[in-house]
Amino acid sequence: MNKRPVLMMAVAAAVALVSVSVAAVWLQKKDEKSTIKVVVATRDLQIGTRLQPSMLETVSWPVSAPIKSPLNSTDKAYDRVINMPVLKGEPILETKLAALGQQGGLSSVLKDGKRAVTVKVNEIVGVAGFALPGNYVDVMANIPDKDNNPVSKIVLERIQVLAVAQDVASNENKPRVVSAVTLEVTPQEAEIIDLARSVGALSLVLRSQIDAASVETIGSRKADLLERTSQLGKQAADASSRAGKTEPVQTAAARPVKRANPVTPPKVTEKLEVIRGMSKSQESAE
């Protein structure tokens, strides 16, 4: 029996196996160089959640899409508290975790140098319940001026809502009418709110999430309302006056009818044909 074909097939199989192994090792090394290990959430997590092993997993993250301060081990995230919502599959970053030792709750949500102050609200003050956690509001105060006249003015801009009632997170966009709203402010802003609510009334003004522009106002007084009403009345009177100057449209019955001048028919003159000798002429019959 000729063993040469069998030997050649065995050698070819061995060479193919070695090639596949070398290619697999090369691809694995290449993949390790092009990706990093990143800890991500296995489900949606709300603010103040204390991380547990079942909430975390490690995945390969492409180096071509870099992220800032990721965690590469679940041990580094275990038992930490998150200070902002995290979606399923989203990387757990160091910036999304509260400081070590935080026990959770509202204090773990506060940024460095910030304070939490609670404002008592009703349906009107609380923007009909649309001031939800994560939204931004302006704080407007209605206080008396030096002449004891009421003035309404925005005293603080772009203040973040931390919680409504006792909830620091909300997955709904539906309005929630509550009795208290907690705001994230600086110490100086907390003093302004406390002073304003002790001498007058506070209202919240909901603003866009992407609107970061500051607007300076002088406030509104009772005289401004009267002046505004007067201006509107003057504009209405001017418009009515302009409308009264327009010529009325005449109907066919009221419009005078122009009669045409009678046409005198032309006078017809009768003529006779007269023949004298060799000549012929026409003469009037009159």
C-alpha atoms as a PDB file:
ATOM      1  CA  MET A   1       0.000   0.000   0.000  1.00  0.00           C
ATOM      2  CA  ASN A   2       1.329   3.454  -0.971  1.00  0.00           C
ATOM      3  CA  LYS A   3       1.644   5.547   2.256  1.00  0.00           C
ATOM      4  CA  ARG A   4       2.883   8.677   0.511  1.00  0.00           C
ATOM      5  CA  PRO A   5      -0.604  10.273  -0.142  1.00  0.00           C
ATOM      6  CA  VAL A   6      -1.657   9.617   3.448  1.00  0.00           C
ATOM      7  CA  LEU A   7       1.556  11.178   4.733  1.00  0.00           C
ATOM      8  CA  MET A   8       1.067  14.238   2.549  1.00  0.00           C
ATOM      9  CA  MET A   9      -2.513  14.679   3.774  1.00  0.00           C
ATOM     10  CA  ALA A  10      -1.367  14.407   7.399  1.00  0.00           C
ATOM     11  CA  VAL A  11       1.347  17.022   6.828  1.00  0.00           C
ATOM     12  CA  ALA A  12      -1.138  19.352   5.108  1.00  0.00           C
ATOM     13  CA  ALA A  13      -3.605  18.984   7.993  1.00  0.00           C
ATOM     14  CA  ALA A  14      -0.875  19.735  10.516  1.00  0.00           C
ATOM     15  CA  VAL A  15       0.250  22.813   8.588  1.00  0.00           C
ATOM     16  CA  ALA A  16      -3.358  24.057   8.365  1.00  0.00           C
ATOM     17  CA  LEU A  17      -3.879  23.521  12.102  1.00  0.00           C
ATOM     18  CA  VAL A  18      -0.716  25.448  12.921  1.00  0.00           C
ATOM     19  CA  SER A  19      -1.739  28.273  10.568  1.00  0.00           C
ATOM     20  CA  VAL A  20      -5.162  28.543  12.165  1.00  0.00           C
ATOM     21  CA  SER A  21      -3.631  28.620  15.651  1.00  0.00           C
ATOM     22  CA  VAL A  22      -1.132  31.312  14.670  1.00  0.00           C
ATOM     23  CA  ALA A  23      -3.893  33.388  13.041  1.00  0.00           C
ATOM     24  CA  ALA A  24      -6.109  33.061  16.125  1.00  0.00           C
ATOM     25  CA  VAL A  25      -3.294  34.193  18.428  1.00  0.00           C
ATOM     26  CA  TRP A  26      -2.489  37.108  16.106  1.00  0.00           C
ATOM     27  CA  LEU A  27      -6.134  38.215  15.940  1.00  0.00           C
ATOM     28  CA  GLN A  28      -6.450  37.958  19.702  1.00  0.00           C
ATOM     29  CA  LYS A  29      -3.384  40.137  20.255  1.00  0.00           C
ATOM     30  CA  LYS A  30      -4.626  42.617  17.669  1.00  0.00           C
ATOM     31  CA  ASP A  31      -8.043  42.732  19.369  1.00  0.00           C
ATOM     32  CA  GLU A  32      -6.398  43.312  22.760  1.00  0.00           C
ATOM     33  CA  LYS A  33      -4.474  46.260  21.327  1.00  0.00           C
ATOM     34  CA  SER A  34      -7.569  47.803  19.686  1.00  0.00           C
ATOM     35  CA  THR A  35      -9.920  47.424  22.695  1.00  0.00           C
ATOM     36  CA  ILE A  36      -9.917  47.992  26.434  1.00  0.00           C
ATOM     37  CA  LYS A  37     -11.971  46.514  29.249  1.00  0.00           C
ATOM     38  CA  VAL A  38     -14.757  48.801  30.474  1.00  0.00           C
ATOM     39  CA  VAL A  39     -17.383  48.320  33.193  1.00  0.00           C
ATOM     40  CA  VAL A  40     -20.953  48.948  31.970  1.00  0.00           C
ATOM     41  CA  ALA A  41     -24.400  48.744  33.549  1.00  0.00           C
ATOM     42  CA  THR A  42     -26.511  45.646  32.955  1.00  0.00           C
ATOM     43  CA  ARG A  43     -29.765  47.639  33.418  1.00  0.00           C
ATOM     44  CA  ASP A  44     -31.024  51.191  33.810  1.00  0.00           C
ATOM     45  CA  LEU A  45     -29.886  52.729  37.108  1.00  0.00           C
ATOM     46  CA  GLN A  46     -31.321  55.761  38.879  1.00  0.00           C
ATOM     47  CA  ILE A  47     -29.584  58.514  40.836  1.00  0.00           C
ATOM     48  CA  GLY A  48     -28.482  57.429  44.303  1.00  0.00           C
ATOM     49  CA  THR A  49     -28.315  53.706  43.461  1.00  0.00           C
ATOM     50  CA  ARG A  50     -25.658  51.736  45.336  1.00  0.00           C
ATOM     51  CA  LEU A  51     -23.939  49.467  42.798  1.00  0.00           C
ATOM     52  CA  GLN A  52     -24.069  45.699  43.256  1.00  0.00           C
ATOM     53  CA  PRO A  53     -22.291  42.936  41.252  1.00  0.00           C
ATOM     54  CA  SER A  54     -25.493  41.980  39.423  1.00  0.00           C
ATOM     55  CA  MET A  55     -25.741  45.537  38.047  1.00  0.00           C
ATOM     56  CA  LEU A  56     -22.290  45.465  36.416  1.00  0.00           C
ATOM     57  CA  GLU A  57     -20.389  43.648  33.714  1.00  0.00           C
ATOM     58  CA  THR A  58     -17.108  44.074  31.827  1.00  0.00           C
ATOM     59  CA  VAL A  59     -17.074  44.443  28.043  1.00  0.00           C
ATOM     60  CA  SER A  60     -14.498  45.209  25.350  1.00  0.00           C
ATOM     61  CA  TRP A  61     -14.554  48.857  24.321  1.00  0.00           C
ATOM     62  CA  PRO A  62     -12.892  50.063  21.077  1.00  0.00           C
ATOM     63  CA  VAL A  63      -9.856  52.292  21.554  1.00  0.00           C
ATOM     64  CA  SER A  64     -11.012  54.318  18.544  1.00  0.00           C
ATOM     65  CA  ALA A  65     -13.928  55.626  20.680  1.00  0.00           C
ATOM     66  CA  PRO A  66     -12.145  56.894  23.803  1.00  0.00           C
ATOM     67  CA  ILE A  67     -14.061  57.760  26.992  1.00  0.00           C
ATOM     68  CA  LYS A  68     -12.878  59.745  29.979  1.00  0.00           C
ATOM     69  CA  SER A  69     -11.991  58.006  33.269  1.00  0.00           C
ATOM     70  CA  PRO A  70     -13.626  54.593  32.654  1.00  0.00           C
ATOM     71  CA  LEU A  71     -13.510  51.779  35.198  1.00  0.00           C
ATOM     72  CA  ASN A  72     -11.827  48.559  34.017  1.00  0.00           C
ATOM     73  CA  SER A  73     -12.837  46.338  36.917  1.00  0.00           C
ATOM     74  CA  THR A  74     -16.171  45.723  38.655  1.00  0.00           C
ATOM     75  CA  ASP A  75     -14.349  45.708  42.004  1.00  0.00           C
ATOM     76  CA  LYS A  76     -13.665  49.436  41.583  1.00  0.00           C
ATOM     77  CA  ALA A  77     -17.379  50.180  41.135  1.00  0.00           C
ATOM     78  CA  TYR A  78     -18.792  47.777  43.712  1.00  0.00           C
ATOM     79  CA  ASP A  79     -20.649  49.426  46.615  1.00  0.00           C
ATOM     80  CA  ARG A  80     -20.241  52.917  45.083  1.00  0.00           C
ATOM     81  CA  VAL A  81     -23.205  55.288  44.661  1.00  0.00           C
ATOM     82  CA  ILE A  82     -23.999  56.868  41.276  1.00  0.00           C
ATOM     83  CA  ASN A  83     -24.820  60.589  41.202  1.00  0.00           C
ATOM     84  CA  MET A  84     -26.597  60.628  37.829  1.00  0.00           C
ATOM     85  CA  PRO A  85     -28.824  58.248  35.842  1.00  0.00           C
ATOM     86  CA  VAL A  86     -27.030  55.468  33.922  1.00  0.00           C
ATOM     87  CA  LEU A  87     -28.635  53.539  31.052  1.00  0.00           C
ATOM     88  CA  LYS A  88     -28.206  49.861  30.243  1.00  0.00           C
ATOM     89  CA  GLY A  89     -24.916  49.268  28.415  1.00  0.00           C
ATOM     90  CA  GLU A  90     -23.570  52.719  29.354  1.00  0.00           C
ATOM     91  CA  PRO A  91     -20.020  52.815  30.777  1.00  0.00           C
ATOM     92  CA  ILE A  92     -19.639  53.462  34.499  1.00  0.00           C
ATOM     93  CA  LEU A  93     -17.301  56.453  34.690  1.00  0.00           C
ATOM     94  CA  GLU A  94     -15.517  57.797  37.737  1.00  0.00           C
ATOM     95  CA  THR A  95     -17.268  61.130  37.219  1.00  0.00           C
ATOM     96  CA  LYS A  96     -20.661  59.412  37.565  1.00  0.00           C
ATOM     97  CA  LEU A  97     -19.845  58.017  41.000  1.00  0.00           C
ATOM     98  CA  ALA A  98     -20.168  59.774  44.340  1.00  0.00           C
ATOM     99  CA  ALA A  99     -17.121  60.105  46.544  1.00  0.00           C
ATOM    100  CA  LEU A 100     -15.961  57.064  48.467  1.00  0.00           C
ATOM    101  CA  GLY A 101     -17.840  56.669  51.723  1.00  0.00           C
ATOM    102  CA  GLN A 102     -21.086  58.266  50.514  1.00  0.00           C
ATOM    103  CA  GLN A 103     -24.096  56.391  51.823  1.00  0.00           C
ATOM    104  CA  GLY A 104     -26.417  57.335  48.992  1.00  0.00           C
ATOM    105  CA  GLY A 105     -29.456  59.561  49.020  1.00  0.00           C
ATOM    106  CA  LEU A 106     -29.590  63.224  48.098  1.00  0.00           C
ATOM    107  CA  SER A 107     -26.192  64.083  49.570  1.00  0.00           C
ATOM    108  CA  SER A 108     -24.489  61.761  47.090  1.00  0.00           C
ATOM    109  CA  VAL A 109     -26.078  63.633  44.194  1.00  0.00           C
ATOM    110  CA  LEU A 110     -24.684  67.048  45.151  1.00  0.00           C
ATOM    111  CA  LYS A 111     -21.644  68.300  43.236  1.00  0.00           C
ATOM    112  CA  ASP A 112     -18.616  69.729  44.986  1.00  0.00           C
ATOM    113  CA  GLY A 113     -19.339  73.148  46.468  1.00  0.00           C
ATOM    114  CA  LYS A 114     -23.102  72.802  45.976  1.00  0.00           C
ATOM    115  CA  ARG A 115     -25.929  72.772  48.501  1.00  0.00           C
ATOM    116  CA  ALA A 116     -29.517  71.539  48.451  1.00  0.00           C
ATOM    117  CA  VAL A 117     -32.354  73.880  49.405  1.00  0.00           C
ATOM    118  CA  THR A 118     -36.040  73.016  49.431  1.00  0.00           C
ATOM    119  CA  VAL A 119     -38.687  75.458  48.239  1.00  0.00           C
ATOM    120  CA  LYS A 120     -42.325  75.100  49.217  1.00  0.00           C
ATOM    121  CA  VAL A 121     -44.476  75.180  46.098  1.00  0.00           C
ATOM    122  CA  ASN A 122     -48.049  74.794  44.932  1.00  0.00           C
ATOM    123  CA  GLU A 123     -49.422  73.961  41.484  1.00  0.00           C
ATOM    124  CA  ILE A 124     -48.693  77.479  40.197  1.00  0.00           C
ATOM    125  CA  VAL A 125     -45.312  77.998  41.826  1.00  0.00           C
ATOM    126  CA  GLY A 126     -44.179  74.518  40.779  1.00  0.00           C
ATOM    127  CA  VAL A 127     -44.904  75.184  37.068  1.00  0.00           C
ATOM    128  CA  ALA A 128     -47.976  72.924  37.169  1.00  0.00           C
ATOM    129  CA  GLY A 129     -45.816  69.958  38.188  1.00  0.00           C
ATOM    130  CA  PHE A 130     -43.501  70.069  35.149  1.00  0.00           C
ATOM    131  CA  ALA A 131     -40.411  70.941  37.232  1.00  0.00           C
ATOM    132  CA  LEU A 132     -39.028  67.381  37.339  1.00  0.00           C
ATOM    133  CA  PRO A 133     -35.649  66.129  38.609  1.00  0.00           C
ATOM    134  CA  GLY A 134     -32.897  67.103  36.173  1.00  0.00           C
ATOM    135  CA  ASN A 135     -34.805  70.110  34.766  1.00  0.00           C
ATOM    136  CA  TYR A 136     -33.538  73.676  35.041  1.00  0.00           C
ATOM    137  CA  VAL A 137     -35.582  76.569  36.412  1.00  0.00           C
ATOM    138  CA  ASP A 138     -35.256  80.272  37.092  1.00  0.00           C
ATOM    139  CA  VAL A 139     -36.278  81.518  40.527  1.00  0.00           C
ATOM    140  CA  MET A 140     -38.529  84.604  40.468  1.00  0.00           C
ATOM    141  CA  ALA A 141     -39.271  86.624  43.605  1.00  0.00           C
ATOM    142  CA  ASN A 142     -42.180  88.991  44.249  1.00  0.00           C
ATOM    143  CA  ILE A 143     -41.030  91.412  46.954  1.00  0.00           C
ATOM    144  CA  PRO A 144     -41.733  95.048  47.918  1.00  0.00           C
ATOM    145  CA  ASP A 145     -39.279  97.747  46.822  1.00  0.00           C
ATOM    146  CA  LYS A 146     -38.064 100.684  48.920  1.00  0.00           C
ATOM    147  CA  ASP A 147     -41.416 102.454  48.381  1.00  0.00           C
ATOM    148  CA  ASN A 148     -43.264  99.322  49.495  1.00  0.00           C
ATOM    149  CA  ASN A 149     -44.513  98.664  45.971  1.00  0.00           C
ATOM    150  CA  PRO A 150     -44.524  95.049  44.757  1.00  0.00           C
ATOM    151  CA  VAL A 151     -41.815  94.080  42.250  1.00  0.00           C
ATOM    152  CA  SER A 152     -41.426  90.770  40.393  1.00  0.00           C
ATOM    153  CA  LYS A 153     -37.908  89.909  39.279  1.00  0.00           C
ATOM    154  CA  ILE A 154     -35.880  86.838  38.358  1.00  0.00           C
ATOM    155  CA  VAL A 155     -33.219  86.584  41.063  1.00  0.00           C
ATOM    156  CA  LEU A 156     -31.546  83.265  40.097  1.00  0.00           C
ATOM    157  CA  GLU A 157     -31.097  81.627  36.688  1.00  0.00           C
ATOM    158  CA  ARG A 158     -30.557  78.047  35.522  1.00  0.00           C
ATOM    159  CA  ILE A 159     -30.960  76.266  38.830  1.00  0.00           C
ATOM    160  CA  GLN A 160     -31.135  72.474  38.595  1.00  0.00           C
ATOM    161  CA  VAL A 161     -33.991  70.579  40.203  1.00  0.00           C
ATOM    162  CA  LEU A 162     -32.611  67.757  42.336  1.00  0.00           C
ATOM    163  CA  ALA A 163     -35.829  66.289  43.641  1.00  0.00           C
ATOM    164  CA  VAL A 164     -39.576  66.771  43.749  1.00  0.00           C
ATOM    165  CA  ALA A 165     -41.125  65.796  47.079  1.00  0.00           C
ATOM    166  CA  GLN A 166     -38.922  62.843  48.125  1.00  0.00           C
ATOM    167  CA  ASP A 167     -37.887  61.555  44.686  1.00  0.00           C
ATOM    168  CA  VAL A 168     -34.444  62.357  43.274  1.00  0.00           C
ATOM    169  CA  ALA A 169     -35.142  60.613  39.963  1.00  0.00           C
ATOM    170  CA  SER A 170     -38.022  60.354  37.543  1.00  0.00           C
ATOM    171  CA  ASN A 171     -38.432  58.320  34.354  1.00  0.00           C
ATOM    172  CA  GLU A 172     -41.665  60.091  33.451  1.00  0.00           C
ATOM    173  CA  ASN A 173     -42.295  63.350  31.653  1.00  0.00           C
ATOM    174  CA  LYS A 174     -45.729  63.664  33.170  1.00  0.00           C
ATOM    175  CA  PRO A 175     -46.421  66.583  35.521  1.00  0.00           C
ATOM    176  CA  ARG A 176     -46.332  65.870  39.245  1.00  0.00           C
ATOM    177  CA  VAL A 177     -47.994  68.369  41.562  1.00  0.00           C
ATOM    178  CA  VAL A 178     -46.057  68.252  44.836  1.00  0.00           C
ATOM    179  CA  SER A 179     -45.651  70.450  47.893  1.00  0.00           C
ATOM    180  CA  ALA A 180     -41.861  70.898  47.757  1.00  0.00           C
ATOM    181  CA  VAL A 181     -39.066  71.117  45.187  1.00  0.00           C
ATOM    182  CA  THR A 182     -35.386  70.695  46.084  1.00  0.00           C
ATOM    183  CA  LEU A 183     -32.874  72.790  44.137  1.00  0.00           C
ATOM    184  CA  GLU A 184     -29.084  72.523  43.749  1.00  0.00           C
ATOM    185  CA  VAL A 185     -27.497  75.895  44.544  1.00  0.00           C
ATOM    186  CA  THR A 186     -24.301  77.496  45.758  1.00  0.00           C
ATOM    187  CA  PRO A 187     -24.156  78.750  49.355  1.00  0.00           C
ATOM    188  CA  GLN A 188     -24.721  82.354  48.194  1.00  0.00           C
ATOM    189  CA  GLU A 189     -27.721  81.312  46.072  1.00  0.00           C
ATOM    190  CA  ALA A 190     -29.155  79.482  49.095  1.00  0.00           C
ATOM    191  CA  GLU A 191     -28.950  82.741  51.059  1.00  0.00           C
ATOM    192  CA  ILE A 192     -30.748  84.644  48.291  1.00  0.00           C
ATOM    193  CA  ILE A 193     -33.580  82.082  48.209  1.00  0.00           C
ATOM    194  CA  ASP A 194     -33.954  82.113  51.985  1.00  0.00           C
ATOM    195  CA  LEU A 195     -34.082  85.917  52.100  1.00  0.00           C
ATOM    196  CA  ALA A 196     -36.495  86.166  49.172  1.00  0.00           C
ATOM    197  CA  ARG A 197     -39.008  83.703  50.597  1.00  0.00           C
ATOM    198  CA  SER A 198     -38.876  85.421  54.016  1.00  0.00           C
ATOM    199  CA  VAL A 199     -39.867  88.844  52.587  1.00  0.00           C
ATOM    200  CA  GLY A 200     -42.013  87.838  49.628  1.00  0.00           C
ATOM    201  CA  ALA A 201     -43.235  84.998  47.423  1.00  0.00           C
ATOM    202  CA  LEU A 202     -41.218  82.713  45.149  1.00  0.00           C
ATOM    203  CA  SER A 203     -42.119  81.244  41.765  1.00  0.00           C
ATOM    204  CA  LEU A 204     -40.258  78.806  39.521  1.00  0.00           C
ATOM    205  CA  VAL A 205     -39.885  79.502  35.805  1.00  0.00           C
ATOM    206  CA  LEU A 206     -39.153  76.399  33.716  1.00  0.00           C
ATOM    207  CA  ARG A 207     -36.448  76.850  31.064  1.00  0.00           C
ATOM    208  CA  SER A 208     -35.002  74.790  28.224  1.00  0.00           C
ATOM    209  CA  GLN A 209     -32.345  72.196  28.996  1.00  0.00           C
ATOM    210  CA  ILE A 210     -30.059  73.627  26.306  1.00  0.00           C
ATOM    211  CA  ASP A 211     -30.622  77.302  27.124  1.00  0.00           C
ATOM    212  CA  ALA A 212     -27.564  78.473  29.075  1.00  0.00           C
ATOM    213  CA  ALA A 213     -27.746  82.174  28.178  1.00  0.00           C
ATOM    214  CA  SER A 214     -28.139  84.690  30.996  1.00  0.00           C
ATOM    215  CA  VAL A 215     -30.761  87.453  30.660  1.00  0.00           C
ATOM    216  CA  GLU A 216     -30.627  90.604  32.796  1.00  0.00           C
ATOM    217  CA  THR A 217     -34.006  92.191  33.615  1.00  0.00           C
ATOM    218  CA  ILE A 218     -35.003  95.249  35.644  1.00  0.00           C
ATOM    219  CA  GLY A 219     -38.102  93.636  37.080  1.00  0.00           C
ATOM    220  CA  SER A 220     -41.761  94.477  36.585  1.00  0.00           C
ATOM    221  CA  ARG A 221     -43.854  96.856  38.725  1.00  0.00           C
ATOM    222  CA  LYS A 222     -47.537  97.800  38.904  1.00  0.00           C
ATOM    223  CA  ALA A 223     -46.838 100.990  36.955  1.00  0.00           C
ATOM    224  CA  ASP A 224     -45.362  98.856  34.153  1.00  0.00           C
ATOM    225  CA  LEU A 225     -48.649  96.960  33.915  1.00  0.00           C
ATOM    226  CA  LEU A 226     -50.663 100.179  33.705  1.00  0.00           C
ATOM    227  CA  GLU A 227     -48.283 101.641  31.128  1.00  0.00           C
ATOM    228  CA  ARG A 228     -48.480  98.456  29.103  1.00  0.00           C
ATOM    229  CA  THR A 229     -52.290  98.547  29.241  1.00  0.00           C
ATOM    230  CA  SER A 230     -52.265 102.197  28.174  1.00  0.00           C
ATOM    231  CA  GLN A 231     -49.984 101.422  25.237  1.00  0.00           C
ATOM    232  CA  LEU A 232     -52.241  98.590  24.116  1.00  0.00           C
ATOM    233  CA  GLY A 233     -55.286 100.876  24.341  1.00  0.00           C
ATOM    234  CA  LYS A 234     -53.534 103.569  22.327  1.00  0.00           C
ATOM    235  CA  GLN A 235     -52.532 101.075  19.658  1.00  0.00           C
ATOM    236  CA  ALA A 236     -56.117  99.826  19.437  1.00  0.00           C
ATOM    237  CA  ALA A 237     -57.431 103.413  19.138  1.00  0.00           C
ATOM    238  CA  ASP A 238     -54.893 104.211  16.410  1.00  0.00           C
ATOM    239  CA  ALA A 239     -55.876 101.111  14.492  1.00  0.00           C
ATOM    240  CA  SER A 240     -59.561 102.002  14.799  1.00  0.00           C
ATOM    241  CA  SER A 241     -58.845 105.576  13.644  1.00  0.00           C
ATOM    242  CA  ARG A 242     -56.952 104.365  10.609  1.00  0.00           C
ATOM    243  CA  ALA A 243     -59.790 102.010   9.789  1.00  0.00           C
ATOM    244  CA  GLY A 244     -62.340 104.884  10.077  1.00  0.00           C
ATOM    245  CA  LYS A 245     -60.541 107.008   7.482  1.00  0.00           C
ATOM    246  CA  THR A 246     -61.005 104.527   4.715  1.00  0.00           C
ATOM    247  CA  GLU A 247     -63.692 105.397   2.120  1.00  0.00           C
ATOM    248  CA  PRO A 248     -66.891 103.426   2.495  1.00  0.00           C
ATOM    249  CA  VAL A 249     -67.743 101.018  -0.239  1.00  0.00           C
ATOM    250  CA  GLN A 250     -70.841 102.201  -2.143  1.00  0.00           C
ATOM    251  CA  THR A 251     -73.409  99.719  -3.219  1.00  0.00           C
ATOM    252  CA  ALA A 252     -74.909  99.669  -6.667  1.00  0.00           C
ATOM    253  CA  ALA A 253     -78.140 101.192  -5.320  1.00  0.00           C
ATOM    254  CA  ALA A 254     -76.376 104.110  -3.572  1.00  0.00           C
ATOM    255  CA  ARG A 255     -73.885 104.816  -6.338  1.00  0.00           C
ATOM    256  CA  PRO A 256     -75.095 107.702  -8.664  1.00  0.00           C
ATOM    257  CA  VAL A 257     -75.843 106.670 -12.225  1.00  0.00           C
ATOM    258  CA  LYS A 258     -74.216 108.761 -14.953  1.00  0.00           C
ATOM    259  CA  ARG A 259     -76.559 109.281 -17.905  1.00  0.00           C
ATOM    260  CA  ALA A 260     -75.118 109.549 -21.422  1.00  0.00           C
ATOM    261  CA  ASN A 261     -75.800 112.742 -23.492  1.00  0.00           C
ATOM    262  CA  PRO A 262     -78.470 112.190 -26.163  1.00  0.00           C
ATOM    263  CA  VAL A 263     -77.055 111.787 -29.650  1.00  0.00           C
ATOM    264  CA  THR A 264     -78.654 114.073 -32.322  1.00  0.00           C
ATOM    265  CA  PRO A 265     -79.043 112.172 -35.590  1.00  0.00           C
ATOM    266  CA  PRO A 266     -77.342 113.864 -38.543  1.00  0.00           C
ATOM    267  CA  LYS A 267     -79.568 115.907 -40.891  1.00  0.00           C
ATOM    268  CA  VAL A 268     -80.076 114.197 -44.228  1.00  0.00           C
ATOM    269  CA  THR A 269     -80.041 116.528 -47.257  1.00  0.00           C
ATOM    270  CA  GLU A 270     -81.742 115.318 -50.451  1.00  0.00           C
ATOM    271  CA  LYS A 271     -79.911 115.999 -53.711  1.00  0.00           C
ATOM    272  CA  LEU A 272     -81.179 116.045 -57.360  1.00  0.00           C
ATOM    273  CA  GLU A 273     -79.217 115.164 -60.443  1.00  0.00           C
ATOM    274  CA  VAL A 274     -79.434 117.941 -63.139  1.00  0.00           C
ATOM    275  CA  ILE A 275     -78.299 117.435 -66.752  1.00  0.00           C
ATOM    276  CA  ARG A 276     -77.551 120.565 -68.784  1.00  0.00           C
ATOM    277  CA  GLY A 277     -76.494 119.816 -72.335  1.00  0.00           C
ATOM    278  CA  MET A 278     -73.394 117.656 -72.121  1.00  0.00           C
ATOM    279  CA  SER A 279     -72.768 118.230 -68.390  1.00  0.00           C
ATOM    280  CA  LYS A 280     -74.308 116.566 -65.332  1.00  0.00           C
ATOM    281  CA  SER A 281     -74.395 117.930 -61.762  1.00  0.00           C
ATOM    282  CA  GLN A 282     -76.119 117.385 -58.374  1.00  0.00           C
ATOM    283  CA  GLU A 283     -78.056 120.178 -56.678  1.00  0.00           C
ATOM    284  CA  SER A 284     -79.810 120.404 -53.329  1.00  0.00           C
ATOM    285  CA  ALA A 285     -83.527 119.884 -53.288  1.00  0.00           C
ATOM    286  CA  GLU A 286     -84.058 122.817 -50.795  1.00  0.00           C
END
